[in-house]
N, C-alpha and C. Protein backbone atom coordinates (compact mmCIF):
# COMPACT_ATOMS: atom_id res chain seq x y z
N MET A 1 31.20 56.17 -57.68
CA MET A 1 31.68 57.18 -57.78
C MET A 1 32.11 57.93 -56.69
N GLY A 2 33.17 58.74 -56.86
CA GLY A 2 34.09 59.53 -55.60
C GLY A 2 32.90 60.70 -55.25
N SER A 3 33.59 61.21 -54.28
CA SER A 3 32.91 62.28 -53.75
C SER A 3 32.92 63.59 -54.64
N LYS A 4 33.89 63.47 -55.71
CA LYS A 4 33.93 64.68 -56.56
C LYS A 4 32.71 64.40 -57.46
N GLY A 5 32.31 63.12 -57.99
CA GLY A 5 31.38 62.81 -58.90
C GLY A 5 30.03 63.30 -58.37
N ARG A 6 29.80 63.38 -56.91
CA ARG A 6 28.61 63.56 -56.35
C ARG A 6 28.44 65.10 -56.09
N GLN A 7 29.27 65.71 -56.14
CA GLN A 7 29.33 67.19 -55.87
C GLN A 7 28.26 67.79 -56.89
N ARG A 8 27.44 68.80 -56.02
CA ARG A 8 26.65 69.41 -56.77
C ARG A 8 26.91 70.50 -57.86
N THR A 9 26.68 70.39 -59.07
CA THR A 9 27.15 71.38 -60.23
C THR A 9 26.65 72.76 -59.62
N ARG A 10 27.55 73.94 -59.55
CA ARG A 10 27.41 74.83 -59.63
C ARG A 10 26.54 75.58 -60.58
N ALA A 11 25.61 76.73 -60.21
CA ALA A 11 24.85 77.29 -61.28
C ALA A 11 25.60 78.33 -61.63
N TRP A 12 25.36 78.75 -63.18
CA TRP A 12 26.02 79.72 -63.76
C TRP A 12 26.42 81.16 -62.85
N TRP A 13 25.54 81.58 -62.13
CA TRP A 13 25.62 82.68 -61.29
C TRP A 13 26.53 82.50 -60.12
N SER A 14 26.94 81.33 -59.76
CA SER A 14 27.64 81.12 -58.48
C SER A 14 29.19 80.64 -58.80
N LEU A 15 29.24 80.88 -60.01
CA LEU A 15 30.64 80.21 -60.38
C LEU A 15 31.82 81.26 -59.67
N PRO A 16 33.12 80.52 -59.35
CA PRO A 16 33.81 81.32 -58.63
C PRO A 16 34.22 82.47 -59.39
N GLY A 17 34.72 83.68 -58.79
CA GLY A 17 35.10 84.82 -59.53
C GLY A 17 34.36 85.38 -60.53
N ALA A 18 33.23 84.73 -60.58
CA ALA A 18 32.02 85.39 -61.51
C ALA A 18 31.01 85.91 -60.81
N ASP A 19 30.05 87.01 -61.25
CA ASP A 19 28.93 87.20 -60.63
C ASP A 19 27.92 87.89 -61.52
N PRO A 20 27.63 87.01 -62.72
CA PRO A 20 26.75 87.52 -63.49
C PRO A 20 25.63 88.19 -63.12
N ALA A 21 24.85 87.45 -61.90
CA ALA A 21 23.76 88.24 -61.56
C ALA A 21 24.09 89.54 -61.05
N GLY A 22 25.07 89.92 -60.52
CA GLY A 22 25.51 91.23 -60.09
C GLY A 22 25.68 92.14 -61.44
N LEU A 23 26.21 91.40 -62.39
CA LEU A 23 26.50 92.14 -63.63
C LEU A 23 25.16 92.59 -64.50
N LEU A 24 24.29 91.63 -64.39
CA LEU A 24 22.81 91.97 -64.88
C LEU A 24 22.05 92.85 -64.11
N LEU A 25 22.24 92.93 -62.67
CA LEU A 25 21.57 94.01 -61.96
C LEU A 25 22.31 95.22 -62.27
N GLY A 26 23.56 95.21 -62.41
CA GLY A 26 24.22 96.46 -62.73
C GLY A 26 23.83 97.04 -64.10
N PHE A 27 23.55 96.17 -65.16
CA PHE A 27 23.00 96.35 -66.54
C PHE A 27 21.55 97.18 -66.34
N LEU A 28 20.65 96.66 -65.49
CA LEU A 28 19.38 97.17 -65.04
C LEU A 28 19.50 98.42 -64.32
N GLY A 29 20.56 98.57 -63.38
CA GLY A 29 20.59 99.98 -62.81
C GLY A 29 21.17 100.86 -63.76
N LEU A 30 22.08 100.51 -64.68
CA LEU A 30 22.82 101.73 -65.63
C LEU A 30 21.51 101.94 -66.56
N TYR A 31 20.81 101.12 -67.00
CA TYR A 31 19.70 101.05 -68.05
C TYR A 31 18.86 102.26 -67.40
N LEU A 32 18.34 102.22 -66.28
CA LEU A 32 17.20 103.03 -65.52
C LEU A 32 17.89 104.13 -65.33
N ILE A 33 19.38 104.35 -65.01
CA ILE A 33 19.93 105.91 -64.91
C ILE A 33 20.08 106.56 -66.15
N ALA A 34 20.36 105.67 -67.29
CA ALA A 34 20.39 106.34 -68.63
C ALA A 34 19.37 106.78 -69.00
N VAL A 35 18.20 106.10 -69.10
CA VAL A 35 16.96 106.73 -69.45
C VAL A 35 16.43 107.75 -68.62
N SER A 36 16.43 107.82 -67.32
CA SER A 36 16.20 108.91 -66.70
C SER A 36 17.10 110.17 -66.82
N LEU A 37 18.36 110.00 -67.07
CA LEU A 37 19.02 111.00 -67.30
C LEU A 37 18.62 111.69 -68.60
N LEU A 38 18.19 111.15 -69.66
CA LEU A 38 17.65 111.65 -70.73
C LEU A 38 16.45 112.12 -70.51
N MET A 39 15.43 111.66 -69.73
CA MET A 39 14.28 112.23 -69.43
C MET A 39 14.27 113.55 -68.75
N LEU A 40 15.41 113.70 -67.73
CA LEU A 40 15.52 114.85 -66.84
C LEU A 40 16.35 115.88 -67.87
N VAL A 41 17.23 115.52 -68.86
CA VAL A 41 18.06 116.60 -69.24
C VAL A 41 17.39 116.94 -70.71
N SER A 42 16.48 116.20 -71.34
CA SER A 42 16.03 116.62 -72.61
C SER A 42 14.42 115.79 -72.72
N PRO A 43 13.58 116.20 -71.87
CA PRO A 43 12.50 115.54 -71.94
C PRO A 43 11.75 115.38 -73.37
N GLY A 44 11.97 116.65 -74.10
CA GLY A 44 11.34 116.48 -75.55
C GLY A 44 12.06 115.45 -76.21
N THR A 45 13.45 115.34 -76.34
CA THR A 45 13.98 114.16 -76.93
C THR A 45 13.54 112.69 -76.62
N PHE A 46 13.35 112.66 -75.08
CA PHE A 46 12.81 111.29 -74.67
C PHE A 46 11.38 111.27 -75.41
N PHE A 47 10.59 112.28 -75.29
CA PHE A 47 8.96 112.02 -75.72
C PHE A 47 8.99 111.82 -77.25
N ASN A 48 9.92 112.48 -78.14
CA ASN A 48 9.63 112.41 -79.51
C ASN A 48 10.24 110.99 -79.86
N GLU A 49 11.51 110.37 -79.36
CA GLU A 49 12.24 109.47 -79.86
C GLU A 49 11.77 108.18 -78.96
N ILE A 50 11.39 108.27 -77.96
CA ILE A 50 11.32 106.90 -77.13
C ILE A 50 9.70 106.84 -76.72
N ALA A 51 9.04 107.82 -76.23
CA ALA A 51 7.73 107.36 -75.74
C ALA A 51 6.80 108.60 -76.06
N PRO A 52 6.36 108.47 -77.63
CA PRO A 52 5.49 109.69 -77.99
C PRO A 52 3.88 109.42 -77.49
N PHE A 53 3.49 109.26 -76.45
CA PHE A 53 2.34 109.02 -75.92
C PHE A 53 1.63 110.22 -75.64
N GLY A 54 0.43 110.37 -76.09
CA GLY A 54 -0.42 111.60 -75.78
C GLY A 54 0.28 113.02 -76.25
N ILE A 55 0.13 113.87 -75.15
CA ILE A 55 0.53 115.35 -75.39
C ILE A 55 2.01 115.58 -74.43
N GLN A 56 2.82 115.76 -74.88
CA GLN A 56 4.32 115.83 -74.05
C GLN A 56 3.89 116.65 -72.89
N ASN A 57 4.31 116.41 -71.79
CA ASN A 57 4.23 117.17 -70.42
C ASN A 57 5.75 116.82 -69.78
N ASP A 58 6.54 118.10 -69.93
CA ASP A 58 7.83 117.80 -69.39
C ASP A 58 8.03 117.64 -67.77
N HIS A 59 7.19 117.99 -67.16
CA HIS A 59 6.95 117.87 -65.50
C HIS A 59 6.89 116.55 -65.24
N TYR A 60 5.81 115.82 -66.03
CA TYR A 60 5.42 114.39 -65.67
C TYR A 60 6.65 113.48 -66.34
N ILE A 61 7.29 113.94 -67.10
CA ILE A 61 8.60 113.14 -67.77
C ILE A 61 9.62 113.27 -66.74
N ARG A 62 9.73 114.38 -66.08
CA ARG A 62 10.90 114.52 -64.98
C ARG A 62 10.43 113.69 -63.93
N ASP A 63 9.10 113.84 -63.49
CA ASP A 63 8.67 113.09 -62.32
C ASP A 63 9.06 111.57 -62.51
N GLY A 64 8.53 111.02 -63.49
CA GLY A 64 8.79 109.53 -63.98
C GLY A 64 10.48 109.33 -63.87
N ALA A 65 11.06 110.23 -64.36
CA ALA A 65 12.71 109.90 -64.38
C ALA A 65 12.94 110.22 -62.87
N SER A 66 12.55 110.89 -61.98
CA SER A 66 12.89 110.85 -60.39
C SER A 66 12.81 109.44 -59.92
N PHE A 67 11.71 109.03 -60.05
CA PHE A 67 11.38 107.56 -59.52
C PHE A 67 12.11 106.70 -60.07
N GLN A 68 12.28 106.54 -61.45
CA GLN A 68 13.21 105.70 -62.25
C GLN A 68 14.99 105.96 -62.07
N LEU A 69 15.11 107.00 -61.80
CA LEU A 69 16.60 107.25 -61.30
C LEU A 69 16.84 106.75 -59.64
N ALA A 70 16.01 106.72 -58.88
CA ALA A 70 16.35 106.43 -57.70
C ALA A 70 16.42 104.56 -57.76
N LEU A 71 15.57 104.01 -58.57
CA LEU A 71 15.50 102.74 -58.67
C LEU A 71 16.82 101.97 -59.44
N GLY A 72 17.54 103.06 -60.23
CA GLY A 72 18.82 102.75 -60.92
C GLY A 72 20.06 102.80 -59.90
N VAL A 73 19.71 103.62 -59.03
CA VAL A 73 20.75 103.96 -57.93
C VAL A 73 20.85 102.95 -56.95
N LEU A 74 19.63 102.46 -56.75
CA LEU A 74 19.32 101.46 -55.60
C LEU A 74 19.89 99.92 -56.22
N ALA A 75 19.65 99.97 -57.55
CA ALA A 75 20.30 98.63 -58.30
C ALA A 75 21.74 98.51 -58.16
N LEU A 76 22.35 99.74 -58.37
CA LEU A 76 23.77 99.84 -58.33
C LEU A 76 24.39 99.51 -57.02
N PHE A 77 23.65 99.98 -55.88
CA PHE A 77 24.07 99.87 -54.31
C PHE A 77 23.79 98.44 -54.41
N ALA A 78 22.91 97.87 -54.77
CA ALA A 78 22.66 96.28 -54.57
C ALA A 78 23.77 95.35 -55.21
N VAL A 79 24.45 96.10 -56.15
CA VAL A 79 25.39 95.18 -56.81
C VAL A 79 26.48 95.15 -55.83
N ARG A 80 26.99 96.07 -55.11
CA ARG A 80 27.87 96.31 -54.39
C ARG A 80 27.36 95.68 -52.75
N GLU A 81 26.24 95.58 -52.64
CA GLU A 81 25.96 95.04 -51.30
C GLU A 81 24.89 94.05 -51.53
N PRO A 82 25.30 92.70 -51.73
CA PRO A 82 24.26 91.76 -52.18
C PRO A 82 23.33 91.63 -51.01
N PRO A 83 23.40 91.75 -49.80
CA PRO A 83 22.27 91.63 -48.92
C PRO A 83 21.04 92.61 -49.53
N LEU A 84 21.39 93.58 -50.40
CA LEU A 84 20.14 94.53 -50.57
C LEU A 84 19.64 94.00 -51.69
N ARG A 85 20.22 92.85 -52.26
CA ARG A 85 19.73 92.43 -53.67
C ARG A 85 17.93 91.89 -53.83
N PRO A 86 17.80 91.26 -52.69
CA PRO A 86 16.24 90.72 -52.74
C PRO A 86 15.39 91.78 -52.83
N VAL A 87 15.34 92.68 -51.88
CA VAL A 87 14.58 93.77 -51.93
C VAL A 87 14.67 94.95 -53.08
N ALA A 88 15.80 95.02 -53.48
CA ALA A 88 16.03 95.84 -54.69
C ALA A 88 15.32 95.06 -55.99
N LEU A 89 15.58 94.11 -55.97
CA LEU A 89 15.05 93.05 -57.26
C LEU A 89 13.46 92.94 -57.17
N VAL A 90 13.04 92.80 -56.00
CA VAL A 90 11.40 92.92 -55.80
C VAL A 90 10.92 94.30 -56.38
N VAL A 91 11.28 95.41 -55.70
CA VAL A 91 10.90 96.69 -56.22
C VAL A 91 11.09 97.04 -57.73
N ILE A 92 12.38 96.71 -58.31
CA ILE A 92 12.61 96.97 -59.57
C ILE A 92 11.77 96.08 -60.48
N THR A 93 11.53 94.69 -60.20
CA THR A 93 10.74 93.79 -60.81
C THR A 93 9.26 94.34 -60.92
N LEU A 94 8.77 94.67 -59.96
CA LEU A 94 7.51 95.20 -59.80
C LEU A 94 7.40 96.60 -60.73
N GLN A 95 8.27 97.53 -60.62
CA GLN A 95 8.44 98.79 -61.61
C GLN A 95 8.31 98.32 -63.29
N PHE A 96 9.40 97.26 -63.37
CA PHE A 96 9.32 96.93 -64.89
C PHE A 96 8.16 96.34 -65.27
N VAL A 97 7.18 95.60 -64.42
CA VAL A 97 6.09 94.77 -64.54
C VAL A 97 5.05 95.62 -65.13
N ILE A 98 4.78 96.59 -63.82
CA ILE A 98 3.68 97.48 -64.03
C ILE A 98 3.83 98.70 -65.17
N HIS A 99 5.11 99.07 -65.49
CA HIS A 99 5.58 99.83 -66.47
C HIS A 99 5.17 99.10 -67.85
N THR A 100 5.42 97.81 -67.99
CA THR A 100 5.28 96.93 -69.19
C THR A 100 3.69 96.97 -69.39
N VAL A 101 2.82 96.77 -68.29
CA VAL A 101 1.43 96.62 -68.52
C VAL A 101 0.80 98.00 -68.91
N ASN A 102 1.51 99.08 -68.27
CA ASN A 102 0.96 100.30 -68.78
C ASN A 102 1.28 100.53 -70.19
N HIS A 103 2.56 100.20 -70.72
CA HIS A 103 2.92 100.27 -72.17
C HIS A 103 1.90 99.48 -73.17
N LEU A 104 1.45 98.23 -72.55
CA LEU A 104 0.59 97.24 -73.42
C LEU A 104 -0.80 98.02 -73.36
N VAL A 105 -1.66 98.74 -72.43
CA VAL A 105 -2.71 99.14 -72.37
C VAL A 105 -2.58 100.48 -73.47
N ASP A 106 -1.51 101.12 -73.60
CA ASP A 106 -1.53 102.18 -74.60
C ASP A 106 -0.61 101.92 -75.82
N ILE A 107 -0.63 100.69 -76.26
CA ILE A 107 0.49 100.29 -77.17
C ILE A 107 -0.10 100.84 -78.72
N ASN A 108 -1.26 101.11 -78.86
CA ASN A 108 -1.74 101.86 -80.08
C ASN A 108 -1.75 103.15 -79.97
N GLU A 109 -1.15 103.86 -79.11
CA GLU A 109 -1.37 105.43 -78.79
C GLU A 109 0.14 106.13 -79.28
N THR A 110 0.92 105.61 -80.12
CA THR A 110 2.09 106.23 -80.22
C THR A 110 2.16 106.62 -81.85
N ASP A 111 3.14 107.83 -81.96
CA ASP A 111 3.04 108.13 -83.40
C ASP A 111 4.75 108.37 -83.64
N PRO A 112 5.31 107.44 -84.32
CA PRO A 112 4.67 106.67 -85.29
C PRO A 112 4.18 105.22 -84.67
N ALA A 113 3.36 104.43 -85.15
CA ALA A 113 2.66 103.58 -84.57
C ALA A 113 3.59 102.10 -84.24
N TRP A 114 4.67 102.12 -85.00
CA TRP A 114 5.53 100.92 -84.58
C TRP A 114 6.18 100.86 -83.10
N LEU A 115 6.20 102.43 -82.50
CA LEU A 115 7.04 102.59 -81.43
C LEU A 115 6.35 102.03 -80.10
N GLY A 116 5.06 102.12 -80.37
CA GLY A 116 4.08 101.30 -79.11
C GLY A 116 4.63 99.94 -78.94
N PRO A 117 4.39 99.18 -80.09
CA PRO A 117 4.57 97.82 -79.69
C PRO A 117 6.50 97.65 -79.51
N ALA A 118 7.27 98.24 -80.06
CA ALA A 118 8.56 98.32 -79.68
C ALA A 118 8.85 98.60 -78.48
N ASP A 119 8.34 99.49 -77.98
CA ASP A 119 8.43 99.99 -76.57
C ASP A 119 7.94 98.84 -75.50
N PHE A 120 6.80 98.24 -76.08
CA PHE A 120 6.32 97.39 -75.22
C PHE A 120 7.25 95.97 -75.08
N ILE A 121 7.67 95.78 -76.27
CA ILE A 121 8.43 94.43 -76.14
C ILE A 121 9.89 94.54 -75.37
N ALA A 122 10.21 96.00 -75.67
CA ALA A 122 11.71 96.11 -75.08
C ALA A 122 11.33 96.21 -73.36
N LEU A 123 10.34 96.83 -72.99
CA LEU A 123 9.89 96.83 -71.51
C LEU A 123 9.85 95.25 -71.26
N ALA A 124 9.08 94.58 -71.73
CA ALA A 124 8.71 92.95 -71.41
C ALA A 124 10.07 92.33 -71.48
N LEU A 125 11.06 92.46 -72.07
CA LEU A 125 12.49 91.96 -71.78
C LEU A 125 13.01 92.20 -70.55
N MET A 126 12.86 93.64 -70.38
CA MET A 126 13.49 94.17 -69.08
C MET A 126 12.71 93.54 -68.03
N SER A 127 11.57 93.35 -67.96
CA SER A 127 10.83 92.75 -67.11
C SER A 127 11.23 91.25 -66.79
N ALA A 128 11.35 90.38 -67.93
CA ALA A 128 11.78 89.14 -67.85
C ALA A 128 12.97 89.01 -67.25
N LEU A 129 14.11 89.99 -67.79
CA LEU A 129 15.13 89.90 -66.95
C LEU A 129 15.45 89.90 -65.56
N ALA A 130 14.35 91.01 -65.12
CA ALA A 130 14.28 91.44 -63.79
C ALA A 130 13.59 90.30 -62.88
N ILE A 131 12.72 89.62 -63.54
CA ILE A 131 12.00 88.43 -63.03
C ILE A 131 12.90 87.15 -62.74
N LEU A 132 13.54 86.87 -63.80
CA LEU A 132 14.89 85.84 -63.75
C LEU A 132 15.80 86.14 -62.68
N LEU A 133 16.33 87.34 -62.53
CA LEU A 133 17.34 87.80 -61.48
C LEU A 133 16.41 87.58 -60.10
N LEU A 134 15.24 88.08 -59.84
CA LEU A 134 14.81 88.03 -58.76
C LEU A 134 14.44 86.38 -58.25
N ARG A 135 14.08 85.59 -59.30
CA ARG A 135 13.78 84.06 -59.07
C ARG A 135 15.11 83.53 -58.76
N GLU A 136 16.27 83.87 -59.42
CA GLU A 136 17.65 83.29 -59.08
C GLU A 136 18.05 83.73 -57.67
N SER A 137 17.74 84.84 -57.50
CA SER A 137 18.17 85.54 -55.99
C SER A 137 17.42 84.85 -55.03
N ARG A 138 16.13 84.32 -55.18
CA ARG A 138 15.33 83.71 -53.91
C ARG A 138 16.01 82.06 -54.05
N ARG A 139 16.30 81.84 -55.19
CA ARG A 139 16.62 80.31 -55.26
C ARG A 139 18.02 80.25 -54.54
N SER A 140 19.28 81.21 -54.65
CA SER A 140 20.33 81.13 -54.20
C SER A 140 20.30 81.18 -52.53
N ARG A 141 19.42 82.10 -52.27
CA ARG A 141 19.14 82.17 -50.73
C ARG A 141 18.73 81.13 -50.04
N GLN A 142 17.89 80.19 -50.69
CA GLN A 142 17.43 79.15 -50.08
C GLN A 142 18.48 77.93 -50.01
């Protein structure tokens, strides 16, 4: 086999001209920003349509949005500045995993009841995406 046959196959996230990891990180960032903006602009809509847990408290909803918005902005900065990606991904992954566990604890506390499991599944998928990106980021640095 010639030297071409022995070349290591590139992973999908390192293809020339393509940056799927950056695109997925950008998706996470835009998701975090979009949900945060909804929470800030219309906490009642957020509470009624997405997170009807307990009693609505607009202040706490906007507090949560402020943290989440900062993480979304961090993710978008990390898309443009790859050296920031490992730290951004660690923080974003932790946020998604902790948020997912919190939704698991309160899974039966929504009205309508189906929204608790739906929220949990959506957050679990976002957590899985963040974990995948973190793992691939660590692998590509090694």
